C-alpha cells in the first residue's frame, strides 16, 4: 500500500490551489494524508480525485487571516496494512507551546533552521499523545523529518509549498509511505518545484 503524505499547503491564502507538481508527485497512491494547514477544506478536492483523503486542522495564522482549516478534526487515527497511523498538525506542545513558538521564530529570524531542542520536545509530545501508534504523521515545521523512536516511526513530509517567511533553505516536498504487512515501512521524500518532481531519498530499514 502506498500512502501520499503532505502538509502546509496553505490554500488559498498563500496559493490559489494545490500545485500540479504536488498532484503529479502523489499520482498512483492508494490513500492521502494531509497533516494540517490546508486552510480551506475545499482545497482538498484535487487530492480527492487521486485517492481517498484524510486531513486534520492546522493552526491559526494571524497575518493570513486563516484558521488553518478549523472545520477539520484535530487528529486522525487509522489502520492501514496492519499499521496504526496517527496524524496531527504538530503545533500543540502543551502549556509551553507559546514559548516554543517564540523560540523557533527567533532562531528563524536569525537564519537558524536547525532546532534540535524544539524537535525533541515535539517528538516527546507526539509520543505522549499517541502511545499506541506505529506511525505518527505531522506537519507545521515546514521541514522534512523522519525518525524511529523505538518501534514508532515519526514523519513530517515537509511543506508542499514554499515557506512564506524568512527565506528558509529547504525546498517544498511531500512524501510517499509504502506499507506491507510484516515489513518495516519505506519512506520516500519527493521534492516538488516548478521544474523538479523526483525522489530525493529512500529510507529502508532492514
N, C-alpha and C. Protein backbone atom coordinates (compact mmCIF):
# COMPACT_ATOMS: atom_id res chain seq x y z
N UNK A 1 0.85 -1.19 0.00
CA UNK A 1 0.00 0.00 0.00
C UNK A 1 0.88 1.24 0.00
N UNK A 2 0.54 2.19 -0.86
CA UNK A 2 1.30 3.44 -0.94
C UNK A 2 0.42 4.60 -0.44
N UNK A 3 0.96 5.35 0.50
CA UNK A 3 0.22 6.46 1.10
C UNK A 3 0.97 7.76 0.82
N UNK A 4 0.29 8.73 0.22
CA UNK A 4 0.87 10.04 -0.01
C UNK A 4 0.74 10.91 1.23
N UNK A 5 1.81 11.57 1.60
CA UNK A 5 1.83 12.45 2.78
C UNK A 5 2.16 13.86 2.35
N UNK A 6 1.39 14.82 2.83
CA UNK A 6 1.71 16.22 2.59
C UNK A 6 1.17 17.07 3.72
N UNK A 7 1.63 18.31 3.78
CA UNK A 7 1.20 19.24 4.83
C UNK A 7 1.45 20.65 4.37
N UNK A 8 0.84 21.60 5.06
CA UNK A 8 1.15 23.02 4.90
C UNK A 8 1.02 23.49 3.46
N UNK A 9 -0.15 23.22 2.86
CA UNK A 9 -0.42 23.71 1.51
C UNK A 9 -0.92 25.16 1.52
N UNK A 10 -1.56 25.57 2.61
CA UNK A 10 -1.95 26.98 2.81
C UNK A 10 -2.76 27.56 1.65
N UNK A 11 -3.71 26.78 1.16
CA UNK A 11 -4.61 27.24 0.10
C UNK A 11 -5.90 27.75 0.73
N UNK A 12 -6.40 28.93 0.37
CA UNK A 12 -5.98 29.81 -0.75
C UNK A 12 -5.17 31.02 -0.31
N UNK A 13 -4.66 31.03 0.91
CA UNK A 13 -4.05 32.24 1.43
C UNK A 13 -2.63 32.48 0.92
N UNK A 14 -1.93 31.40 0.57
CA UNK A 14 -0.58 31.55 0.03
C UNK A 14 -0.44 30.98 -1.38
N UNK A 15 -1.47 30.29 -1.83
CA UNK A 15 -1.52 29.78 -3.21
C UNK A 15 -2.97 29.61 -3.58
N UNK A 16 -3.27 29.76 -4.86
CA UNK A 16 -4.67 29.67 -5.30
C UNK A 16 -5.19 28.25 -5.23
N UNK A 17 -4.30 27.28 -5.42
CA UNK A 17 -4.70 25.87 -5.43
C UNK A 17 -3.47 25.02 -5.16
N UNK A 18 -3.68 23.76 -4.82
CA UNK A 18 -2.56 22.84 -4.67
C UNK A 18 -1.87 22.69 -6.03
N UNK A 19 -0.58 22.94 -6.11
CA UNK A 19 0.11 22.96 -7.42
C UNK A 19 0.06 21.62 -8.15
N UNK A 20 0.10 21.70 -9.47
CA UNK A 20 0.10 20.49 -10.30
C UNK A 20 1.27 19.58 -9.97
N UNK A 21 2.40 20.18 -9.60
CA UNK A 21 3.58 19.38 -9.29
C UNK A 21 3.34 18.47 -8.10
N UNK A 22 2.57 18.97 -7.13
CA UNK A 22 2.23 18.15 -5.96
C UNK A 22 1.32 17.00 -6.36
N UNK A 23 0.33 17.29 -7.18
CA UNK A 23 -0.60 16.26 -7.63
C UNK A 23 0.13 15.19 -8.45
N UNK A 24 1.07 15.62 -9.27
CA UNK A 24 1.86 14.67 -10.05
C UNK A 24 2.68 13.75 -9.15
N UNK A 25 3.28 14.34 -8.12
CA UNK A 25 4.10 13.55 -7.21
C UNK A 25 3.29 12.48 -6.47
N UNK A 26 2.00 12.76 -6.25
CA UNK A 26 1.16 11.85 -5.47
C UNK A 26 0.33 10.91 -6.34
N UNK A 27 0.46 11.03 -7.64
CA UNK A 27 -0.35 10.19 -8.52
C UNK A 27 -0.01 8.71 -8.31
N UNK A 28 -1.06 7.88 -8.22
CA UNK A 28 -0.86 6.45 -8.07
C UNK A 28 -0.89 5.94 -6.64
N UNK A 29 -1.03 6.84 -5.65
CA UNK A 29 -1.11 6.38 -4.26
C UNK A 29 -2.51 5.83 -3.97
N UNK A 30 -2.61 5.03 -2.92
CA UNK A 30 -3.88 4.43 -2.53
C UNK A 30 -4.65 5.27 -1.52
N UNK A 31 -3.94 6.15 -0.83
CA UNK A 31 -4.52 6.96 0.24
C UNK A 31 -3.66 8.20 0.40
N UNK A 32 -4.28 9.30 0.79
CA UNK A 32 -3.54 10.55 1.02
C UNK A 32 -3.83 11.05 2.43
N UNK A 33 -2.78 11.43 3.14
CA UNK A 33 -2.90 12.03 4.47
C UNK A 33 -2.34 13.45 4.41
N UNK A 34 -3.17 14.42 4.75
CA UNK A 34 -2.76 15.83 4.76
C UNK A 34 -2.66 16.27 6.22
N UNK A 35 -1.44 16.58 6.65
CA UNK A 35 -1.16 16.84 8.06
C UNK A 35 -1.32 18.30 8.45
N UNK A 36 -2.38 18.93 7.99
CA UNK A 36 -2.75 20.24 8.51
C UNK A 36 -2.28 21.43 7.71
N UNK A 37 -2.95 22.55 7.98
CA UNK A 37 -2.75 23.82 7.28
C UNK A 37 -3.12 23.73 5.80
N UNK A 38 -4.23 23.02 5.52
CA UNK A 38 -4.81 23.13 4.19
C UNK A 38 -5.56 24.46 4.08
N UNK A 39 -5.87 25.05 5.23
CA UNK A 39 -6.54 26.35 5.39
C UNK A 39 -8.02 26.32 5.02
N UNK A 40 -8.37 25.88 3.83
CA UNK A 40 -9.78 25.75 3.46
C UNK A 40 -10.04 24.34 2.94
N UNK A 41 -10.93 23.58 3.60
CA UNK A 41 -11.13 22.17 3.22
C UNK A 41 -11.50 21.95 1.76
N UNK A 42 -12.15 22.92 1.11
CA UNK A 42 -12.49 22.72 -0.30
C UNK A 42 -11.25 22.57 -1.17
N UNK A 43 -10.12 23.03 -0.68
CA UNK A 43 -8.88 22.92 -1.45
C UNK A 43 -8.39 21.48 -1.58
N UNK A 44 -8.99 20.58 -0.81
CA UNK A 44 -8.60 19.17 -0.87
C UNK A 44 -9.16 18.46 -2.10
N UNK A 45 -10.10 19.10 -2.82
CA UNK A 45 -10.81 18.44 -3.93
C UNK A 45 -9.88 17.81 -4.96
N UNK A 46 -8.80 18.49 -5.42
CA UNK A 46 -7.93 17.83 -6.41
C UNK A 46 -7.26 16.58 -5.86
N UNK A 47 -6.96 16.57 -4.56
CA UNK A 47 -6.38 15.38 -3.94
C UNK A 47 -7.39 14.24 -3.90
N UNK A 48 -8.65 14.59 -3.63
CA UNK A 48 -9.70 13.58 -3.54
C UNK A 48 -9.98 12.91 -4.88
N UNK A 49 -9.56 13.54 -5.97
CA UNK A 49 -9.68 12.92 -7.28
C UNK A 49 -8.60 11.87 -7.51
N UNK A 50 -7.54 11.93 -6.70
CA UNK A 50 -6.45 10.96 -6.83
C UNK A 50 -6.67 9.72 -5.96
N UNK A 51 -7.18 9.94 -4.73
CA UNK A 51 -7.32 8.85 -3.76
C UNK A 51 -8.14 9.36 -2.58
N UNK A 52 -8.65 8.48 -1.74
CA UNK A 52 -9.30 8.94 -0.51
C UNK A 52 -8.35 9.78 0.33
N UNK A 53 -8.89 10.80 0.99
CA UNK A 53 -8.07 11.75 1.73
C UNK A 53 -8.53 11.84 3.18
N UNK A 54 -7.58 11.82 4.09
CA UNK A 54 -7.80 12.19 5.49
C UNK A 54 -6.99 13.46 5.74
N UNK A 55 -7.59 14.45 6.41
CA UNK A 55 -6.90 15.71 6.68
C UNK A 55 -7.23 16.18 8.08
N UNK A 56 -6.30 16.89 8.69
CA UNK A 56 -6.51 17.47 10.02
C UNK A 56 -6.34 18.98 9.95
N UNK A 57 -6.86 19.65 10.97
CA UNK A 57 -6.74 21.10 11.01
C UNK A 57 -5.32 21.52 11.36
N UNK A 58 -4.98 22.75 11.00
CA UNK A 58 -3.69 23.31 11.37
C UNK A 58 -3.85 24.35 12.46
N UNK A 59 -2.96 25.33 12.47
CA UNK A 59 -3.01 26.38 13.49
C UNK A 59 -3.44 27.70 12.86
N UNK A 60 -3.82 28.63 13.70
CA UNK A 60 -4.24 29.96 13.22
C UNK A 60 -3.03 30.74 12.72
N UNK A 61 -3.24 31.50 11.65
CA UNK A 61 -2.20 32.35 11.08
C UNK A 61 -2.76 33.77 10.99
N UNK A 62 -2.34 34.59 11.91
CA UNK A 62 -2.91 35.93 12.03
C UNK A 62 -2.66 36.76 10.78
N UNK A 63 -1.43 36.70 10.23
CA UNK A 63 -1.10 37.51 9.06
C UNK A 63 -1.89 37.10 7.83
N UNK A 64 -2.24 35.81 7.74
CA UNK A 64 -3.02 35.32 6.61
C UNK A 64 -4.52 35.43 6.84
N UNK A 65 -4.92 35.61 8.09
CA UNK A 65 -6.34 35.57 8.40
C UNK A 65 -6.92 34.17 8.25
N UNK A 66 -6.10 33.16 8.50
CA UNK A 66 -6.51 31.78 8.28
C UNK A 66 -6.64 31.02 9.59
N UNK A 67 -7.66 30.17 9.67
CA UNK A 67 -7.86 29.33 10.85
C UNK A 67 -7.13 28.00 10.71
N UNK A 68 -6.49 27.76 9.58
CA UNK A 68 -5.81 26.50 9.37
C UNK A 68 -6.74 25.34 9.08
N UNK A 69 -7.98 25.64 8.71
CA UNK A 69 -8.95 24.57 8.44
C UNK A 69 -9.63 24.09 9.71
N UNK A 70 -10.20 25.02 10.47
CA UNK A 70 -10.76 24.71 11.79
C UNK A 70 -11.90 23.70 11.73
N UNK A 71 -12.54 23.53 10.57
CA UNK A 71 -13.65 22.57 10.46
C UNK A 71 -13.16 21.12 10.48
N UNK A 72 -11.89 20.92 10.22
CA UNK A 72 -11.33 19.57 10.17
C UNK A 72 -11.01 19.07 11.58
N UNK A 73 -10.90 17.76 11.77
CA UNK A 73 -10.60 17.23 13.11
C UNK A 73 -9.17 17.56 13.53
N UNK A 74 -8.89 17.66 14.82
CA UNK A 74 -7.52 17.96 15.27
C UNK A 74 -6.56 16.79 15.05
N UNK A 75 -7.09 15.59 14.99
CA UNK A 75 -6.23 14.42 14.75
C UNK A 75 -7.05 13.33 14.08
N UNK A 76 -6.35 12.41 13.45
CA UNK A 76 -6.97 11.26 12.79
C UNK A 76 -6.15 10.03 13.15
N UNK A 77 -6.82 8.94 13.46
CA UNK A 77 -6.14 7.67 13.72
C UNK A 77 -6.79 6.59 12.85
N UNK A 78 -5.98 5.93 12.05
CA UNK A 78 -6.47 4.90 11.15
C UNK A 78 -5.54 3.69 11.23
N UNK A 79 -5.99 2.59 10.65
CA UNK A 79 -5.15 1.41 10.49
C UNK A 79 -5.04 1.11 9.00
N UNK A 80 -3.81 0.90 8.53
CA UNK A 80 -3.56 0.62 7.11
C UNK A 80 -2.48 -0.44 7.01
N UNK A 81 -2.75 -1.50 6.28
CA UNK A 81 -1.80 -2.61 6.09
C UNK A 81 -1.30 -3.15 7.42
N UNK A 82 -2.16 -3.08 8.44
CA UNK A 82 -1.80 -3.60 9.75
C UNK A 82 -1.06 -2.63 10.64
N UNK A 83 -0.79 -1.40 10.15
CA UNK A 83 -0.08 -0.38 10.93
C UNK A 83 -1.08 0.63 11.50
N UNK A 84 -0.89 0.98 12.77
CA UNK A 84 -1.71 2.02 13.40
C UNK A 84 -1.05 3.37 13.12
N UNK A 85 -1.76 4.21 12.39
CA UNK A 85 -1.23 5.51 11.97
C UNK A 85 -2.01 6.62 12.66
N UNK A 86 -1.30 7.54 13.30
CA UNK A 86 -1.90 8.73 13.90
C UNK A 86 -1.38 9.96 13.16
N UNK A 87 -2.25 10.93 12.98
CA UNK A 87 -1.85 12.16 12.29
C UNK A 87 -2.41 13.37 13.01
N UNK A 88 -1.58 14.38 13.19
CA UNK A 88 -1.99 15.67 13.72
C UNK A 88 -1.05 16.72 13.14
N UNK A 89 -1.40 17.99 13.31
CA UNK A 89 -0.56 19.02 12.69
C UNK A 89 0.78 19.17 13.39
N UNK A 90 0.79 19.04 14.71
CA UNK A 90 2.06 19.10 15.44
C UNK A 90 2.38 20.43 16.07
N UNK A 91 1.41 21.33 16.15
CA UNK A 91 1.70 22.66 16.70
C UNK A 91 1.40 22.76 18.20
N UNK A 92 0.83 21.73 18.79
CA UNK A 92 0.44 21.78 20.19
C UNK A 92 1.43 21.00 21.04
N UNK A 93 2.16 21.73 21.87
CA UNK A 93 3.14 21.11 22.76
C UNK A 93 2.81 21.39 24.23
N UNK A 94 1.51 21.46 24.53
CA UNK A 94 1.11 21.72 25.91
C UNK A 94 1.29 23.17 26.30
N UNK A 95 1.46 23.40 27.60
CA UNK A 95 1.48 24.77 28.11
C UNK A 95 2.71 25.55 27.66
N UNK A 96 3.75 24.84 27.15
CA UNK A 96 4.95 25.53 26.68
C UNK A 96 4.87 25.93 25.21
N UNK A 97 3.72 25.69 24.58
CA UNK A 97 3.59 26.00 23.16
C UNK A 97 3.97 27.44 22.82
N UNK A 98 3.48 28.46 23.54
CA UNK A 98 3.87 29.85 23.20
C UNK A 98 5.37 30.08 23.30
N UNK A 99 6.01 29.47 24.30
CA UNK A 99 7.48 29.61 24.44
C UNK A 99 8.19 29.05 23.21
N UNK A 100 7.80 27.85 22.80
CA UNK A 100 8.46 27.22 21.66
C UNK A 100 8.21 28.01 20.37
N UNK A 101 7.04 28.58 20.25
CA UNK A 101 6.74 29.38 19.05
C UNK A 101 7.68 30.59 18.97
N UNK A 102 7.89 31.27 20.09
CA UNK A 102 8.80 32.42 20.14
C UNK A 102 10.23 31.96 19.87
N UNK A 103 10.63 30.85 20.46
CA UNK A 103 11.99 30.33 20.31
C UNK A 103 12.30 30.01 18.84
N UNK A 104 11.40 29.30 18.18
CA UNK A 104 11.62 28.91 16.79
C UNK A 104 11.63 30.15 15.88
N UNK A 105 10.68 31.08 16.10
CA UNK A 105 10.62 32.29 15.30
C UNK A 105 11.90 33.11 15.45
N UNK A 106 12.38 33.23 16.67
CA UNK A 106 13.61 33.99 16.94
C UNK A 106 14.79 33.37 16.21
N UNK A 107 14.92 32.05 16.25
CA UNK A 107 16.02 31.37 15.55
C UNK A 107 15.88 31.53 14.03
N UNK A 108 14.66 31.38 13.52
CA UNK A 108 14.45 31.51 12.08
C UNK A 108 14.78 32.92 11.60
N UNK A 109 14.41 33.91 12.38
CA UNK A 109 14.71 35.30 12.00
C UNK A 109 16.22 35.53 11.92
N UNK A 110 16.96 34.77 12.71
CA UNK A 110 18.42 34.87 12.68
C UNK A 110 19.06 33.92 11.69
N UNK A 111 18.24 33.28 10.86
CA UNK A 111 18.78 32.38 9.85
C UNK A 111 19.15 31.01 10.37
N UNK A 112 18.70 30.67 11.58
CA UNK A 112 19.00 29.37 12.16
C UNK A 112 17.81 28.44 11.95
N UNK A 113 18.01 27.37 11.17
CA UNK A 113 16.89 26.49 10.82
C UNK A 113 16.96 25.14 11.51
N UNK A 114 18.06 24.85 12.17
CA UNK A 114 18.13 23.63 12.98
C UNK A 114 17.64 23.95 14.38
N UNK A 115 16.64 23.22 14.84
CA UNK A 115 16.06 23.47 16.16
C UNK A 115 15.95 22.14 16.92
N UNK A 116 17.09 21.54 17.28
CA UNK A 116 17.05 20.21 17.91
C UNK A 116 16.27 20.17 19.22
N UNK A 117 16.34 21.23 20.02
CA UNK A 117 15.61 21.23 21.29
C UNK A 117 14.11 21.21 21.04
N UNK A 118 13.67 22.02 20.08
CA UNK A 118 12.25 22.05 19.73
C UNK A 118 11.81 20.71 19.13
N UNK A 119 12.62 20.16 18.22
CA UNK A 119 12.28 18.88 17.61
C UNK A 119 12.11 17.80 18.68
N UNK A 120 13.01 17.79 19.65
CA UNK A 120 12.93 16.79 20.72
C UNK A 120 11.66 16.96 21.54
N UNK A 121 11.30 18.23 21.84
CA UNK A 121 10.08 18.48 22.61
C UNK A 121 8.84 18.07 21.81
N UNK A 122 8.85 18.34 20.51
CA UNK A 122 7.73 17.98 19.66
C UNK A 122 7.56 16.46 19.60
N UNK A 123 8.66 15.74 19.42
CA UNK A 123 8.59 14.28 19.37
C UNK A 123 8.06 13.71 20.69
N UNK A 124 8.53 14.24 21.81
CA UNK A 124 8.04 13.77 23.11
C UNK A 124 6.53 13.99 23.23
N UNK A 125 6.06 15.17 22.78
CA UNK A 125 4.64 15.48 22.87
C UNK A 125 3.82 14.54 21.99
N UNK A 126 4.31 14.24 20.80
CA UNK A 126 3.58 13.35 19.89
C UNK A 126 3.53 11.92 20.43
N UNK A 127 4.63 11.46 21.00
CA UNK A 127 4.66 10.11 21.55
C UNK A 127 3.74 9.98 22.76
N UNK A 128 3.67 11.04 23.56
CA UNK A 128 2.73 11.01 24.70
C UNK A 128 1.29 11.00 24.22
N UNK A 129 1.02 11.73 23.17
CA UNK A 129 -0.35 11.86 22.68
C UNK A 129 -0.84 10.59 21.99
N UNK A 130 0.08 9.90 21.30
CA UNK A 130 -0.31 8.71 20.54
C UNK A 130 0.57 7.52 20.94
N UNK A 131 0.42 7.04 22.16
CA UNK A 131 1.33 5.99 22.65
C UNK A 131 1.17 4.65 21.95
N UNK A 132 0.03 4.42 21.30
CA UNK A 132 -0.22 3.13 20.64
C UNK A 132 0.12 3.16 19.15
N UNK A 133 0.51 4.30 18.63
CA UNK A 133 0.71 4.42 17.19
C UNK A 133 2.01 3.74 16.74
N UNK A 134 1.94 3.10 15.58
CA UNK A 134 3.15 2.59 14.94
C UNK A 134 3.81 3.68 14.09
N UNK A 135 3.00 4.57 13.54
CA UNK A 135 3.48 5.66 12.68
C UNK A 135 2.75 6.94 13.08
N UNK A 136 3.49 8.03 13.26
CA UNK A 136 2.90 9.33 13.57
C UNK A 136 3.29 10.30 12.45
N UNK A 137 2.29 10.89 11.82
CA UNK A 137 2.50 11.84 10.72
C UNK A 137 2.13 13.24 11.23
N UNK A 138 2.98 14.21 10.96
CA UNK A 138 2.71 15.58 11.40
C UNK A 138 3.28 16.56 10.39
N UNK A 139 3.00 17.84 10.60
CA UNK A 139 3.48 18.89 9.72
C UNK A 139 3.99 20.06 10.54
N UNK A 140 3.59 21.26 10.18
CA UNK A 140 3.78 22.50 10.93
C UNK A 140 5.17 23.12 10.80
N UNK A 141 6.24 22.33 10.89
CA UNK A 141 7.59 22.92 10.90
C UNK A 141 8.08 23.27 9.50
N UNK A 142 7.39 22.78 8.46
CA UNK A 142 7.77 23.00 7.07
C UNK A 142 9.10 22.33 6.71
N UNK A 143 9.57 21.41 7.53
CA UNK A 143 10.83 20.71 7.27
C UNK A 143 10.58 19.20 7.24
N UNK A 144 11.18 18.52 6.26
CA UNK A 144 11.10 17.06 6.26
C UNK A 144 11.78 16.51 7.50
N UNK A 145 11.15 15.52 8.09
CA UNK A 145 11.69 14.92 9.31
C UNK A 145 11.28 13.46 9.33
N UNK A 146 12.23 12.61 9.66
CA UNK A 146 11.94 11.19 9.80
C UNK A 146 12.81 10.62 10.90
N UNK A 147 12.20 9.90 11.83
CA UNK A 147 12.96 9.32 12.93
C UNK A 147 12.20 8.13 13.50
N UNK A 148 12.94 7.11 13.83
CA UNK A 148 12.39 5.99 14.60
C UNK A 148 12.65 6.25 16.07
N UNK A 149 11.61 6.15 16.87
CA UNK A 149 11.74 6.16 18.33
C UNK A 149 11.21 4.82 18.83
N UNK A 150 12.12 3.92 19.12
CA UNK A 150 11.70 2.58 19.45
C UNK A 150 11.05 1.95 18.22
N UNK A 151 9.82 1.50 18.39
CA UNK A 151 9.10 0.89 17.28
C UNK A 151 8.16 1.87 16.57
N UNK A 152 8.27 3.15 16.90
CA UNK A 152 7.38 4.16 16.32
C UNK A 152 8.13 5.01 15.31
N UNK A 153 7.56 5.15 14.13
CA UNK A 153 8.13 5.98 13.07
C UNK A 153 7.43 7.32 13.05
N UNK A 154 8.18 8.41 13.13
CA UNK A 154 7.63 9.76 13.04
C UNK A 154 8.04 10.37 11.71
N UNK A 155 7.06 10.95 11.01
CA UNK A 155 7.31 11.51 9.68
C UNK A 155 6.66 12.88 9.55
N UNK A 156 7.45 13.85 9.09
CA UNK A 156 6.93 15.13 8.62
C UNK A 156 7.33 15.24 7.16
N UNK A 157 6.37 15.29 6.23
CA UNK A 157 6.73 15.32 4.81
C UNK A 157 7.33 16.64 4.35
N UNK A 158 7.35 17.65 5.23
CA UNK A 158 7.76 18.98 4.83
C UNK A 158 6.59 19.76 4.26
N UNK A 159 6.79 21.03 3.96
CA UNK A 159 5.73 21.86 3.40
C UNK A 159 5.62 21.63 1.91
N UNK A 160 4.39 21.44 1.43
CA UNK A 160 4.17 21.20 -0.01
C UNK A 160 4.36 22.46 -0.84
N UNK A 161 4.26 23.63 -0.20
CA UNK A 161 4.51 24.90 -0.88
C UNK A 161 5.67 25.62 -0.21
N UNK A 162 6.27 26.54 -0.92
CA UNK A 162 7.39 27.29 -0.36
C UNK A 162 6.96 28.04 0.89
N UNK A 163 7.83 28.08 1.88
CA UNK A 163 7.55 28.78 3.13
C UNK A 163 7.54 30.29 2.88
N UNK A 164 6.55 30.95 3.46
CA UNK A 164 6.33 32.37 3.14
C UNK A 164 7.31 33.32 3.82
N UNK A 165 7.90 32.89 4.95
CA UNK A 165 8.66 33.84 5.75
C UNK A 165 10.12 33.42 5.92
N UNK A 166 11.00 34.38 6.01
CA UNK A 166 12.40 34.24 6.43
C UNK A 166 13.28 33.49 5.43
N UNK A 167 12.78 33.16 4.25
CA UNK A 167 13.59 32.56 3.19
C UNK A 167 14.38 31.34 3.67
N UNK A 168 13.72 30.28 4.06
CA UNK A 168 14.42 29.09 4.56
C UNK A 168 15.17 28.37 3.45
N UNK A 169 16.17 27.57 3.79
CA UNK A 169 16.99 26.91 2.77
C UNK A 169 16.38 25.62 2.23
N UNK A 170 15.31 25.11 2.81
CA UNK A 170 14.75 23.85 2.35
C UNK A 170 13.67 24.08 1.29
N UNK A 171 13.52 23.09 0.40
CA UNK A 171 12.61 23.19 -0.71
C UNK A 171 11.30 22.47 -0.39
N UNK A 172 10.21 22.85 -1.07
CA UNK A 172 8.92 22.17 -0.83
C UNK A 172 9.04 20.67 -1.11
N UNK A 173 8.31 19.89 -0.32
CA UNK A 173 8.35 18.44 -0.51
C UNK A 173 7.08 17.79 -0.01
N UNK A 174 6.85 16.59 -0.50
CA UNK A 174 5.83 15.69 0.00
C UNK A 174 6.54 14.37 0.25
N UNK A 175 5.80 13.35 0.66
CA UNK A 175 6.44 12.05 0.91
C UNK A 175 5.50 10.93 0.50
N UNK A 176 6.08 9.79 0.25
CA UNK A 176 5.30 8.59 -0.05
C UNK A 176 5.71 7.52 0.94
N UNK A 177 4.74 6.95 1.60
CA UNK A 177 4.94 5.91 2.60
C UNK A 177 4.44 4.59 2.03
N UNK A 178 5.32 3.60 1.90
CA UNK A 178 4.94 2.30 1.38
C UNK A 178 4.85 1.30 2.53
N UNK A 179 3.69 0.68 2.66
CA UNK A 179 3.43 -0.25 3.75
C UNK A 179 3.13 -1.64 3.22
N UNK A 180 3.77 -2.62 3.82
CA UNK A 180 3.46 -4.03 3.57
C UNK A 180 3.39 -4.73 4.91
N UNK A 181 2.38 -5.53 5.11
CA UNK A 181 2.18 -6.20 6.39
C UNK A 181 3.42 -7.02 6.78
N UNK A 182 3.90 -6.79 7.99
CA UNK A 182 5.05 -7.52 8.50
C UNK A 182 6.40 -7.01 8.05
N UNK A 183 6.41 -5.91 7.26
CA UNK A 183 7.66 -5.34 6.75
C UNK A 183 7.78 -3.91 7.24
N UNK A 184 8.99 -3.49 7.60
CA UNK A 184 9.16 -2.11 8.05
C UNK A 184 8.82 -1.12 6.94
N UNK A 185 8.18 0.00 7.27
CA UNK A 185 7.76 0.97 6.24
C UNK A 185 8.94 1.55 5.47
N UNK A 186 8.65 1.94 4.24
CA UNK A 186 9.62 2.62 3.38
C UNK A 186 9.10 4.03 3.14
N UNK A 187 9.97 5.02 3.32
CA UNK A 187 9.60 6.43 3.14
C UNK A 187 10.43 7.03 2.01
N UNK A 188 9.75 7.68 1.09
CA UNK A 188 10.42 8.44 0.03
C UNK A 188 10.06 9.92 0.19
N UNK A 189 11.07 10.75 0.23
CA UNK A 189 10.84 12.19 0.21
C UNK A 189 10.84 12.66 -1.23
N UNK A 190 9.81 13.38 -1.63
CA UNK A 190 9.68 13.85 -3.00
C UNK A 190 9.73 15.38 -3.02
N UNK A 191 10.74 15.93 -3.65
CA UNK A 191 10.85 17.39 -3.76
C UNK A 191 9.93 17.87 -4.87
N UNK A 192 9.22 18.95 -4.63
CA UNK A 192 8.33 19.50 -5.64
C UNK A 192 8.71 20.95 -5.91
N UNK A 193 8.86 21.27 -7.19
CA UNK A 193 9.17 22.64 -7.58
C UNK A 193 8.64 22.84 -8.99
N UNK A 194 8.89 24.00 -9.56
CA UNK A 194 8.42 24.27 -10.92
C UNK A 194 9.06 23.34 -11.94
N UNK A 195 10.27 22.88 -11.63
CA UNK A 195 11.00 22.10 -12.62
C UNK A 195 11.17 20.64 -12.23
N UNK A 196 11.10 20.35 -10.94
CA UNK A 196 11.51 19.03 -10.47
C UNK A 196 10.41 18.37 -9.67
N UNK A 197 10.13 17.13 -9.98
CA UNK A 197 9.35 16.26 -9.11
C UNK A 197 10.11 14.95 -9.09
N UNK A 198 10.82 14.69 -8.01
CA UNK A 198 11.62 13.47 -8.01
C UNK A 198 11.93 13.00 -6.61
N UNK A 199 12.25 11.73 -6.51
CA UNK A 199 12.59 11.15 -5.21
C UNK A 199 13.98 11.63 -4.80
N UNK A 200 14.07 12.23 -3.62
CA UNK A 200 15.37 12.68 -3.12
C UNK A 200 15.99 11.64 -2.21
N UNK A 201 15.18 10.91 -1.48
CA UNK A 201 15.74 9.92 -0.58
C UNK A 201 14.77 8.78 -0.41
N UNK A 202 15.33 7.64 -0.18
CA UNK A 202 14.53 6.46 0.06
C UNK A 202 15.10 5.81 1.31
N UNK A 203 14.31 5.80 2.37
CA UNK A 203 14.77 5.26 3.62
C UNK A 203 14.23 3.86 3.78
N UNK A 204 15.12 2.87 3.86
CA UNK A 204 14.72 1.49 4.03
C UNK A 204 15.35 0.97 5.29
N UNK A 205 14.56 0.44 6.18
CA UNK A 205 15.08 -0.13 7.42
C UNK A 205 15.00 -1.64 7.32
N UNK A 206 16.15 -2.26 7.37
CA UNK A 206 16.19 -3.72 7.27
C UNK A 206 15.96 -4.33 8.65
